[in-house]
Amino acid sequence: MLRNRKKPLARRKQTLKKSVLLLLICNWVLLGTAAVMAFYAYSRLPQKIPIWLNFFGQQTIMIDKSPLFFLYLLAQALFIILFLVMTKKISSRKIVPWKAPIFKEYAYLILIFFNLIFIHIQKSLILVAHQVAQGVDRYYFYLLFGIILVLIPYYRIRIRLFIRKPEETK
């Protein structure tokens, strides 16, 4: 009888570890995609490029073409690194050991959406530089933030589904 309880728990933990690893890989792939997009587009940009976009009625700030274009890519990389460090610290200190993989899964899922926001901003910079767009697509931008907010109940549901008897959670 005890074996039957441990096998499903072990299987759930193994599946959870795989999903955490997959989400982590997806985050690094998104960062790589953003880097490829930035380096590919930089040589094709006109001599005047935007450094700040029109979010809420502000004026677009245009500068001469410079390496400042990569500022958003650098910010994205630093954001990912800090987010991963904080996730590791929080999951190792503040969370019950069996909840840590679920917390990491949730954190990495949110990080994917923040990566998409950074990529969207960078894509918007490129399109504004080529005078194809006016600024950030607000609907897409708000949609990404909305999805992040929807993930909060998702995390709570995952915790409740994973909760087991005390002897299983050790």
N, C-alpha and C. Protein backbone atom coordinates (compact mmCIF):
# COMPACT_ATOMS: atom_id res chain seq x y z
N MET A 1 0.82 -1.19 0.00
CA MET A 1 0.00 0.00 0.00
C MET A 1 0.87 1.26 0.00
N LEU A 2 1.95 1.24 0.77
CA LEU A 2 2.85 2.39 0.83
C LEU A 2 3.53 2.61 -0.52
N ARG A 3 3.86 1.54 -1.22
CA ARG A 3 4.48 1.68 -2.53
C ARG A 3 3.57 2.42 -3.51
N ASN A 4 2.29 2.11 -3.47
CA ASN A 4 1.35 2.76 -4.37
C ASN A 4 1.28 4.26 -4.14
N ARG A 5 1.47 4.70 -2.91
CA ARG A 5 1.45 6.14 -2.62
C ARG A 5 2.73 6.81 -3.10
N LYS A 6 3.86 6.14 -2.92
CA LYS A 6 5.13 6.77 -3.26
C LYS A 6 5.35 6.85 -4.77
N LYS A 7 4.92 5.86 -5.50
CA LYS A 7 5.14 5.90 -6.95
C LYS A 7 4.44 7.08 -7.61
N PRO A 8 3.15 7.31 -7.33
CA PRO A 8 2.54 8.48 -7.96
C PRO A 8 3.20 9.79 -7.55
N LEU A 9 3.60 9.91 -6.28
CA LEU A 9 4.27 11.12 -5.82
C LEU A 9 5.61 11.29 -6.53
N ALA A 10 6.37 10.21 -6.62
CA ALA A 10 7.66 10.28 -7.31
C ALA A 10 7.46 10.63 -8.78
N ARG A 11 6.44 10.08 -9.38
CA ARG A 11 6.14 10.37 -10.78
C ARG A 11 5.74 11.84 -10.95
N ARG A 12 4.94 12.35 -10.03
CA ARG A 12 4.54 13.76 -10.10
C ARG A 12 5.75 14.68 -9.94
N LYS A 13 6.63 14.34 -9.01
CA LYS A 13 7.83 15.16 -8.81
C LYS A 13 8.72 15.14 -10.04
N GLN A 14 8.86 13.97 -10.67
CA GLN A 14 9.69 13.84 -11.87
C GLN A 14 9.08 14.67 -13.01
N THR A 15 7.78 14.59 -13.18
CA THR A 15 7.11 15.36 -14.22
C THR A 15 7.26 16.86 -13.96
N LEU A 16 7.16 17.25 -12.72
CA LEU A 16 7.31 18.65 -12.35
C LEU A 16 8.72 19.14 -12.64
N LYS A 17 9.72 18.32 -12.33
CA LYS A 17 11.11 18.71 -12.62
C LYS A 17 11.32 18.89 -14.12
N LYS A 18 10.71 18.01 -14.93
CA LYS A 18 10.84 18.13 -16.38
C LYS A 18 10.18 19.42 -16.88
N SER A 19 9.02 19.74 -16.34
CA SER A 19 8.34 20.96 -16.79
C SER A 19 9.12 22.21 -16.37
N VAL A 20 9.73 22.18 -15.19
CA VAL A 20 10.55 23.31 -14.73
C VAL A 20 11.75 23.48 -15.67
N LEU A 21 12.40 22.38 -16.02
CA LEU A 21 13.55 22.44 -16.92
C LEU A 21 13.13 22.95 -18.30
N LEU A 22 12.00 22.49 -18.80
CA LEU A 22 11.51 22.93 -20.10
C LEU A 22 11.22 24.43 -20.10
N LEU A 23 10.59 24.92 -19.04
CA LEU A 23 10.30 26.35 -18.95
C LEU A 23 11.58 27.18 -18.85
N LEU A 24 12.57 26.67 -18.14
CA LEU A 24 13.86 27.37 -18.05
C LEU A 24 14.53 27.43 -19.42
N ILE A 25 14.49 26.33 -20.15
CA ILE A 25 15.07 26.30 -21.50
C ILE A 25 14.33 27.29 -22.41
N CYS A 26 13.01 27.34 -22.29
CA CYS A 26 12.22 28.28 -23.10
C CYS A 26 12.63 29.73 -22.84
N ASN A 27 12.92 30.05 -21.58
CA ASN A 27 13.36 31.41 -21.26
C ASN A 27 14.68 31.74 -21.93
N TRP A 28 15.62 30.81 -21.90
CA TRP A 28 16.91 31.06 -22.54
C TRP A 28 16.77 31.13 -24.06
N VAL A 29 15.87 30.33 -24.63
CA VAL A 29 15.63 30.39 -26.07
C VAL A 29 15.04 31.76 -26.45
N LEU A 30 14.14 32.27 -25.64
CA LEU A 30 13.57 33.60 -25.91
C LEU A 30 14.64 34.69 -25.83
N LEU A 31 15.54 34.58 -24.87
CA LEU A 31 16.64 35.56 -24.79
C LEU A 31 17.53 35.45 -26.02
N GLY A 32 17.83 34.24 -26.44
CA GLY A 32 18.63 34.04 -27.65
C GLY A 32 17.93 34.59 -28.89
N THR A 33 16.63 34.40 -28.97
CA THR A 33 15.85 34.92 -30.09
C THR A 33 15.90 36.45 -30.11
N ALA A 34 15.77 37.05 -28.95
CA ALA A 34 15.84 38.52 -28.86
C ALA A 34 17.22 39.01 -29.29
N ALA A 35 18.26 38.31 -28.90
CA ALA A 35 19.62 38.71 -29.28
C ALA A 35 19.82 38.59 -30.79
N VAL A 36 19.38 37.49 -31.37
CA VAL A 36 19.50 37.31 -32.82
C VAL A 36 18.72 38.40 -33.55
N MET A 37 17.51 38.69 -33.09
CA MET A 37 16.69 39.73 -33.71
C MET A 37 17.39 41.09 -33.64
N ALA A 38 17.96 41.41 -32.49
CA ALA A 38 18.61 42.72 -32.31
C ALA A 38 19.85 42.84 -33.20
N PHE A 39 20.69 41.83 -33.20
CA PHE A 39 21.92 41.90 -34.00
C PHE A 39 21.61 41.87 -35.50
N TYR A 40 20.61 41.11 -35.88
CA TYR A 40 20.22 41.06 -37.30
C TYR A 40 19.65 42.41 -37.75
N ALA A 41 18.82 43.01 -36.93
CA ALA A 41 18.15 44.25 -37.32
C ALA A 41 19.07 45.47 -37.24
N TYR A 42 20.06 45.43 -36.36
CA TYR A 42 20.90 46.62 -36.13
C TYR A 42 21.58 47.11 -37.41
N SER A 43 22.13 46.20 -38.19
CA SER A 43 22.84 46.63 -39.40
C SER A 43 21.88 47.18 -40.46
N ARG A 44 20.61 46.86 -40.36
CA ARG A 44 19.62 47.31 -41.34
C ARG A 44 18.83 48.54 -40.88
N LEU A 45 19.12 49.03 -39.69
CA LEU A 45 18.38 50.19 -39.17
C LEU A 45 18.81 51.47 -39.87
N PRO A 46 17.89 52.44 -39.99
CA PRO A 46 18.27 53.74 -40.56
C PRO A 46 19.19 54.50 -39.59
N GLN A 47 19.65 55.67 -40.01
CA GLN A 47 20.59 56.44 -39.20
C GLN A 47 19.95 57.05 -37.96
N LYS A 48 18.65 57.25 -37.97
CA LYS A 48 17.93 57.74 -36.79
C LYS A 48 17.08 56.59 -36.25
N ILE A 49 17.28 56.29 -34.97
CA ILE A 49 16.53 55.19 -34.35
C ILE A 49 15.86 55.68 -33.07
N PRO A 50 14.74 55.09 -32.71
CA PRO A 50 14.09 55.47 -31.45
C PRO A 50 14.79 54.79 -30.27
N ILE A 51 14.87 55.50 -29.19
CA ILE A 51 15.41 54.91 -27.96
C ILE A 51 14.31 54.81 -26.91
N TRP A 52 13.26 55.60 -27.09
CA TRP A 52 12.10 55.57 -26.19
C TRP A 52 10.85 55.62 -27.04
N LEU A 53 9.90 54.75 -26.73
CA LEU A 53 8.69 54.64 -27.53
C LEU A 53 7.52 55.41 -26.94
N ASN A 54 6.54 55.62 -27.78
CA ASN A 54 5.30 56.28 -27.39
C ASN A 54 4.42 55.26 -26.68
N PHE A 55 4.45 55.25 -25.34
CA PHE A 55 3.60 54.33 -24.57
C PHE A 55 2.24 54.95 -24.28
N PHE A 56 2.24 56.09 -23.64
CA PHE A 56 0.98 56.71 -23.21
C PHE A 56 0.95 58.18 -23.62
N GLY A 57 1.23 58.44 -24.88
CA GLY A 57 1.17 59.80 -25.38
C GLY A 57 2.49 60.55 -25.32
N GLN A 58 3.55 59.91 -24.79
CA GLN A 58 4.84 60.59 -24.78
C GLN A 58 5.38 60.65 -26.21
N GLN A 59 6.28 61.57 -26.40
CA GLN A 59 6.90 61.70 -27.71
C GLN A 59 8.00 60.65 -27.86
N THR A 60 8.11 60.08 -29.05
CA THR A 60 9.16 59.11 -29.33
C THR A 60 10.49 59.85 -29.38
N ILE A 61 11.48 59.34 -28.66
CA ILE A 61 12.81 59.97 -28.62
C ILE A 61 13.69 59.29 -29.66
N MET A 62 14.15 60.07 -30.62
CA MET A 62 15.00 59.55 -31.69
C MET A 62 16.44 60.00 -31.45
N ILE A 63 17.38 59.10 -31.72
CA ILE A 63 18.80 59.40 -31.60
C ILE A 63 19.51 58.87 -32.84
N ASP A 64 20.76 59.29 -33.01
CA ASP A 64 21.56 58.71 -34.09
C ASP A 64 21.81 57.24 -33.77
N LYS A 65 21.93 56.46 -34.82
CA LYS A 65 22.16 55.02 -34.66
C LYS A 65 23.40 54.80 -33.79
N SER A 66 23.21 54.03 -32.72
CA SER A 66 24.32 53.78 -31.80
C SER A 66 24.08 52.45 -31.08
N PRO A 67 25.10 51.98 -30.36
CA PRO A 67 24.92 50.74 -29.59
C PRO A 67 23.89 50.84 -28.46
N LEU A 68 23.39 52.04 -28.19
CA LEU A 68 22.32 52.18 -27.20
C LEU A 68 21.09 51.37 -27.59
N PHE A 69 21.00 51.01 -28.87
CA PHE A 69 19.90 50.17 -29.34
C PHE A 69 19.85 48.85 -28.57
N PHE A 70 21.01 48.38 -28.13
CA PHE A 70 21.08 47.10 -27.42
C PHE A 70 20.77 47.23 -25.92
N LEU A 71 20.41 48.43 -25.50
CA LEU A 71 20.10 48.66 -24.09
C LEU A 71 18.95 47.78 -23.60
N TYR A 72 17.92 47.63 -24.42
CA TYR A 72 16.78 46.80 -24.02
C TYR A 72 17.16 45.32 -23.94
N LEU A 73 18.03 44.88 -24.83
CA LEU A 73 18.51 43.50 -24.78
C LEU A 73 19.32 43.26 -23.51
N LEU A 74 20.17 44.22 -23.17
CA LEU A 74 20.95 44.13 -21.93
C LEU A 74 20.03 44.13 -20.71
N ALA A 75 19.03 44.99 -20.73
CA ALA A 75 18.06 45.03 -19.62
C ALA A 75 17.32 43.70 -19.51
N GLN A 76 16.97 43.11 -20.64
CA GLN A 76 16.28 41.82 -20.63
C GLN A 76 17.17 40.74 -20.03
N ALA A 77 18.43 40.70 -20.43
CA ALA A 77 19.36 39.70 -19.89
C ALA A 77 19.56 39.87 -18.39
N LEU A 78 19.75 41.11 -17.95
CA LEU A 78 19.92 41.36 -16.51
C LEU A 78 18.65 41.01 -15.73
N PHE A 79 17.50 41.32 -16.30
CA PHE A 79 16.23 40.99 -15.66
C PHE A 79 16.11 39.47 -15.48
N ILE A 80 16.45 38.72 -16.51
CA ILE A 80 16.37 37.25 -16.43
C ILE A 80 17.31 36.73 -15.36
N ILE A 81 18.54 37.20 -15.37
CA ILE A 81 19.52 36.71 -14.40
C ILE A 81 19.08 37.04 -12.97
N LEU A 82 18.67 38.27 -12.73
CA LEU A 82 18.20 38.64 -11.39
C LEU A 82 16.95 37.85 -10.99
N PHE A 83 16.06 37.66 -11.92
CA PHE A 83 14.84 36.90 -11.65
C PHE A 83 15.18 35.46 -11.27
N LEU A 84 16.12 34.85 -11.99
CA LEU A 84 16.50 33.47 -11.70
C LEU A 84 17.21 33.36 -10.35
N VAL A 85 18.07 34.32 -10.04
CA VAL A 85 18.76 34.31 -8.75
C VAL A 85 17.76 34.46 -7.61
N MET A 86 16.83 35.40 -7.76
CA MET A 86 15.83 35.60 -6.71
C MET A 86 14.92 34.38 -6.57
N THR A 87 14.56 33.76 -7.68
CA THR A 87 13.73 32.56 -7.63
C THR A 87 14.43 31.45 -6.87
N LYS A 88 15.72 31.30 -7.13
CA LYS A 88 16.48 30.25 -6.45
C LYS A 88 16.56 30.52 -4.95
N LYS A 89 16.84 31.78 -4.59
CA LYS A 89 16.93 32.12 -3.16
C LYS A 89 15.60 31.94 -2.45
N ILE A 90 14.55 32.43 -3.05
CA ILE A 90 13.23 32.33 -2.41
C ILE A 90 12.79 30.89 -2.30
N SER A 91 12.97 30.11 -3.37
CA SER A 91 12.50 28.73 -3.34
C SER A 91 13.32 27.87 -2.38
N SER A 92 14.56 28.24 -2.11
CA SER A 92 15.37 27.44 -1.20
C SER A 92 15.20 27.84 0.26
N ARG A 93 14.72 29.05 0.53
CA ARG A 93 14.63 29.51 1.92
C ARG A 93 13.21 29.62 2.46
N LYS A 94 12.31 30.10 1.66
CA LYS A 94 11.00 30.48 2.17
C LYS A 94 9.90 29.46 1.91
N ILE A 95 10.19 28.46 1.13
CA ILE A 95 9.12 27.57 0.69
C ILE A 95 9.37 26.15 1.18
N VAL A 96 8.30 25.47 1.53
CA VAL A 96 8.37 24.06 1.91
C VAL A 96 8.99 23.30 0.74
N PRO A 97 9.92 22.36 0.99
CA PRO A 97 10.64 21.70 -0.11
C PRO A 97 9.76 21.14 -1.23
N TRP A 98 8.62 20.58 -0.91
CA TRP A 98 7.81 20.00 -1.98
C TRP A 98 7.10 21.07 -2.81
N LYS A 99 7.03 22.31 -2.31
CA LYS A 99 6.41 23.39 -3.08
C LYS A 99 7.41 24.09 -4.00
N ALA A 100 8.70 23.91 -3.76
CA ALA A 100 9.72 24.63 -4.53
C ALA A 100 9.61 24.41 -6.03
N PRO A 101 9.46 23.17 -6.52
CA PRO A 101 9.34 23.01 -7.98
C PRO A 101 8.10 23.70 -8.56
N ILE A 102 7.00 23.70 -7.82
CA ILE A 102 5.80 24.38 -8.31
C ILE A 102 6.04 25.88 -8.35
N PHE A 103 6.72 26.42 -7.33
CA PHE A 103 7.05 27.84 -7.32
C PHE A 103 7.96 28.19 -8.50
N LYS A 104 8.97 27.35 -8.76
CA LYS A 104 9.87 27.61 -9.88
C LYS A 104 9.12 27.55 -11.21
N GLU A 105 8.23 26.58 -11.34
CA GLU A 105 7.44 26.47 -12.56
C GLU A 105 6.64 27.75 -12.79
N TYR A 106 6.02 28.23 -11.75
CA TYR A 106 5.23 29.46 -11.81
C TYR A 106 6.12 30.66 -12.15
N ALA A 107 7.25 30.76 -11.49
CA ALA A 107 8.17 31.89 -11.72
C ALA A 107 8.71 31.88 -13.15
N TYR A 108 9.08 30.71 -13.64
CA TYR A 108 9.62 30.62 -15.00
C TYR A 108 8.54 30.90 -16.04
N LEU A 109 7.31 30.53 -15.74
CA LEU A 109 6.20 30.82 -16.64
C LEU A 109 5.97 32.33 -16.72
N ILE A 110 6.01 33.00 -15.60
CA ILE A 110 5.88 34.47 -15.59
C ILE A 110 7.05 35.11 -16.33
N LEU A 111 8.24 34.56 -16.14
CA LEU A 111 9.42 35.10 -16.81
C LEU A 111 9.29 35.00 -18.33
N ILE A 112 8.65 33.96 -18.81
CA ILE A 112 8.41 33.84 -20.25
C ILE A 112 7.59 35.03 -20.75
N PHE A 113 6.57 35.41 -20.01
CA PHE A 113 5.75 36.53 -20.44
C PHE A 113 6.51 37.85 -20.35
N PHE A 114 7.37 38.02 -19.35
CA PHE A 114 8.20 39.22 -19.30
C PHE A 114 9.18 39.24 -20.47
N ASN A 115 9.71 38.08 -20.84
CA ASN A 115 10.57 38.01 -22.03
C ASN A 115 9.81 38.45 -23.27
N LEU A 116 8.57 38.01 -23.39
CA LEU A 116 7.75 38.41 -24.54
C LEU A 116 7.50 39.91 -24.54
N ILE A 117 7.36 40.51 -23.38
CA ILE A 117 7.18 41.97 -23.30
C ILE A 117 8.44 42.68 -23.78
N PHE A 118 9.60 42.22 -23.32
CA PHE A 118 10.87 42.83 -23.78
C PHE A 118 11.03 42.66 -25.29
N ILE A 119 10.71 41.49 -25.80
CA ILE A 119 10.83 41.26 -27.25
C ILE A 119 9.86 42.16 -28.01
N HIS A 120 8.67 42.35 -27.48
CA HIS A 120 7.68 43.22 -28.13
C HIS A 120 8.18 44.67 -28.17
N ILE A 121 8.76 45.12 -27.09
CA ILE A 121 9.30 46.49 -27.06
C ILE A 121 10.42 46.63 -28.08
N GLN A 122 11.30 45.65 -28.14
CA GLN A 122 12.41 45.71 -29.09
C GLN A 122 11.90 45.65 -30.53
N LYS A 123 10.92 44.81 -30.79
CA LYS A 123 10.33 44.74 -32.12
C LYS A 123 9.68 46.07 -32.48
N SER A 124 9.03 46.70 -31.52
CA SER A 124 8.40 48.00 -31.75
C SER A 124 9.44 49.06 -32.07
N LEU A 125 10.58 49.02 -31.39
CA LEU A 125 11.67 49.96 -31.70
C LEU A 125 12.12 49.81 -33.15
N ILE A 126 12.25 48.58 -33.59
CA ILE A 126 12.69 48.32 -34.97
C ILE A 126 11.65 48.83 -35.97
N LEU A 127 10.38 48.55 -35.70
CA LEU A 127 9.32 48.99 -36.62
C LEU A 127 9.19 50.51 -36.65
N VAL A 128 9.34 51.17 -35.51
CA VAL A 128 9.28 52.63 -35.48
C VAL A 128 10.48 53.22 -36.22
N ALA A 129 11.64 52.61 -36.08
CA ALA A 129 12.83 53.09 -36.79
C ALA A 129 12.62 53.05 -38.30
N HIS A 130 11.94 52.02 -38.77
CA HIS A 130 11.66 51.90 -40.21
C HIS A 130 10.37 52.62 -40.61
N GLN A 131 9.76 53.32 -39.67
CA GLN A 131 8.53 54.09 -39.87
C GLN A 131 7.38 53.22 -40.38
N VAL A 132 7.32 52.01 -39.87
CA VAL A 132 6.24 51.08 -40.21
C VAL A 132 5.15 51.12 -39.15
N ALA A 133 5.50 51.51 -37.93
CA ALA A 133 4.55 51.56 -36.82
C ALA A 133 4.73 52.86 -36.05
N GLN A 134 3.72 53.20 -35.25
CA GLN A 134 3.76 54.43 -34.46
C GLN A 134 4.37 54.22 -33.08
N GLY A 135 4.26 53.01 -32.56
CA GLY A 135 4.75 52.72 -31.22
C GLY A 135 4.39 51.30 -30.82
N VAL A 136 4.23 51.11 -29.53
CA VAL A 136 3.92 49.79 -28.98
C VAL A 136 2.46 49.44 -29.28
N ASP A 137 2.22 48.20 -29.66
CA ASP A 137 0.85 47.72 -29.83
C ASP A 137 0.26 47.53 -28.43
N ARG A 138 -0.56 48.47 -28.01
CA ARG A 138 -1.06 48.49 -26.63
C ARG A 138 -1.89 47.26 -26.29
N TYR A 139 -2.67 46.78 -27.24
CA TYR A 139 -3.53 45.62 -26.95
C TYR A 139 -2.70 44.39 -26.62
N TYR A 140 -1.65 44.16 -27.40
CA TYR A 140 -0.76 43.03 -27.15
C TYR A 140 -0.04 43.21 -25.82
N PHE A 141 0.41 44.42 -25.57
CA PHE A 141 1.12 44.74 -24.34
C PHE A 141 0.24 44.48 -23.12
N TYR A 142 -0.99 44.98 -23.15
CA TYR A 142 -1.92 44.76 -22.04
C TYR A 142 -2.33 43.30 -21.92
N LEU A 143 -2.44 42.62 -23.04
CA LEU A 143 -2.79 41.20 -23.02
C LEU A 143 -1.74 40.39 -22.27
N LEU A 144 -0.47 40.70 -22.52
CA LEU A 144 0.60 39.98 -21.81
C LEU A 144 0.53 40.22 -20.31
N PHE A 145 0.30 41.45 -19.90
CA PHE A 145 0.16 41.73 -18.47
C PHE A 145 -1.08 41.06 -17.89
N GLY A 146 -2.14 41.02 -18.66
CA GLY A 146 -3.35 40.33 -18.21
C GLY A 146 -3.12 38.85 -17.99
N ILE A 147 -2.38 38.24 -18.89
CA ILE A 147 -2.07 36.81 -18.75
C ILE A 147 -1.23 36.58 -17.50
N ILE A 148 -0.31 37.47 -17.22
CA ILE A 148 0.50 37.34 -16.01
C ILE A 148 -0.40 37.37 -14.77
N LEU A 149 -1.39 38.25 -14.77
CA LEU A 149 -2.31 38.32 -13.63
C LEU A 149 -3.17 37.06 -13.51
N VAL A 150 -3.51 36.46 -14.63
CA VAL A 150 -4.30 35.22 -14.62
C VAL A 150 -3.48 34.07 -14.04
N LEU A 151 -2.17 34.16 -14.14
CA LEU A 151 -1.32 33.07 -13.64
C LEU A 151 -1.31 32.98 -12.11
N ILE A 152 -1.72 34.02 -11.42
CA ILE A 152 -1.75 33.97 -9.95
C ILE A 152 -2.70 32.89 -9.46
N PRO A 153 -3.95 32.85 -9.93
CA PRO A 153 -4.81 31.74 -9.50
C PRO A 153 -4.30 30.38 -9.98
N TYR A 154 -3.64 30.36 -11.13
CA TYR A 154 -3.08 29.11 -11.65
C TYR A 154 -2.11 28.51 -10.63
N TYR A 155 -1.25 29.33 -10.06
CA TYR A 155 -0.28 28.86 -9.07
C TYR A 155 -1.00 28.28 -7.86
N ARG A 156 -2.00 28.97 -7.38
CA ARG A 156 -2.74 28.50 -6.21
C ARG A 156 -3.46 27.18 -6.50
N ILE A 157 -4.00 27.04 -7.68
CA ILE A 157 -4.66 25.78 -8.05
C ILE A 157 -3.65 24.65 -8.11
N ARG A 158 -2.47 24.93 -8.69
CA ARG A 158 -1.42 23.89 -8.77
C ARG A 158 -1.00 23.44 -7.38
N ILE A 159 -0.88 24.36 -6.45
CA ILE A 159 -0.51 24.00 -5.07
C ILE A 159 -1.58 23.09 -4.47
N ARG A 160 -2.83 23.47 -4.65
CA ARG A 160 -3.92 22.66 -4.07
C ARG A 160 -3.98 21.28 -4.69
N LEU A 161 -3.73 21.17 -5.99
CA LEU A 161 -3.75 19.86 -6.64
C LEU A 161 -2.58 18.99 -6.20
N PHE A 162 -1.49 19.62 -5.83
CA PHE A 162 -0.30 18.87 -5.47
C PHE A 162 -0.27 18.49 -3.98
N ILE A 163 -1.07 19.17 -3.16
CA ILE A 163 -1.07 18.91 -1.72
C ILE A 163 -1.49 17.47 -1.46
N ARG A 164 -0.71 16.83 -0.63
CA ARG A 164 -0.97 15.44 -0.26
C ARG A 164 -0.86 15.31 1.25
N LYS A 165 -0.99 14.10 1.70
CA LYS A 165 -0.87 13.82 3.13
C LYS A 165 0.54 14.16 3.60
N PRO A 166 0.71 14.50 4.88
CA PRO A 166 2.03 14.91 5.40
C PRO A 166 3.14 13.90 5.10
N GLU A 167 2.87 12.61 5.14
CA GLU A 167 3.94 11.64 4.89
C GLU A 167 4.38 11.64 3.43
N GLU A 168 3.53 12.12 2.51
CA GLU A 168 3.89 12.18 1.11
C GLU A 168 4.71 13.42 0.77
N THR A 169 4.59 14.45 1.54
CA THR A 169 5.24 15.72 1.21
C THR A 169 6.63 15.87 1.79
N LYS A 170 7.13 14.85 2.43
CA LYS A 170 8.47 14.95 3.02
C LYS A 170 9.55 14.74 2.00
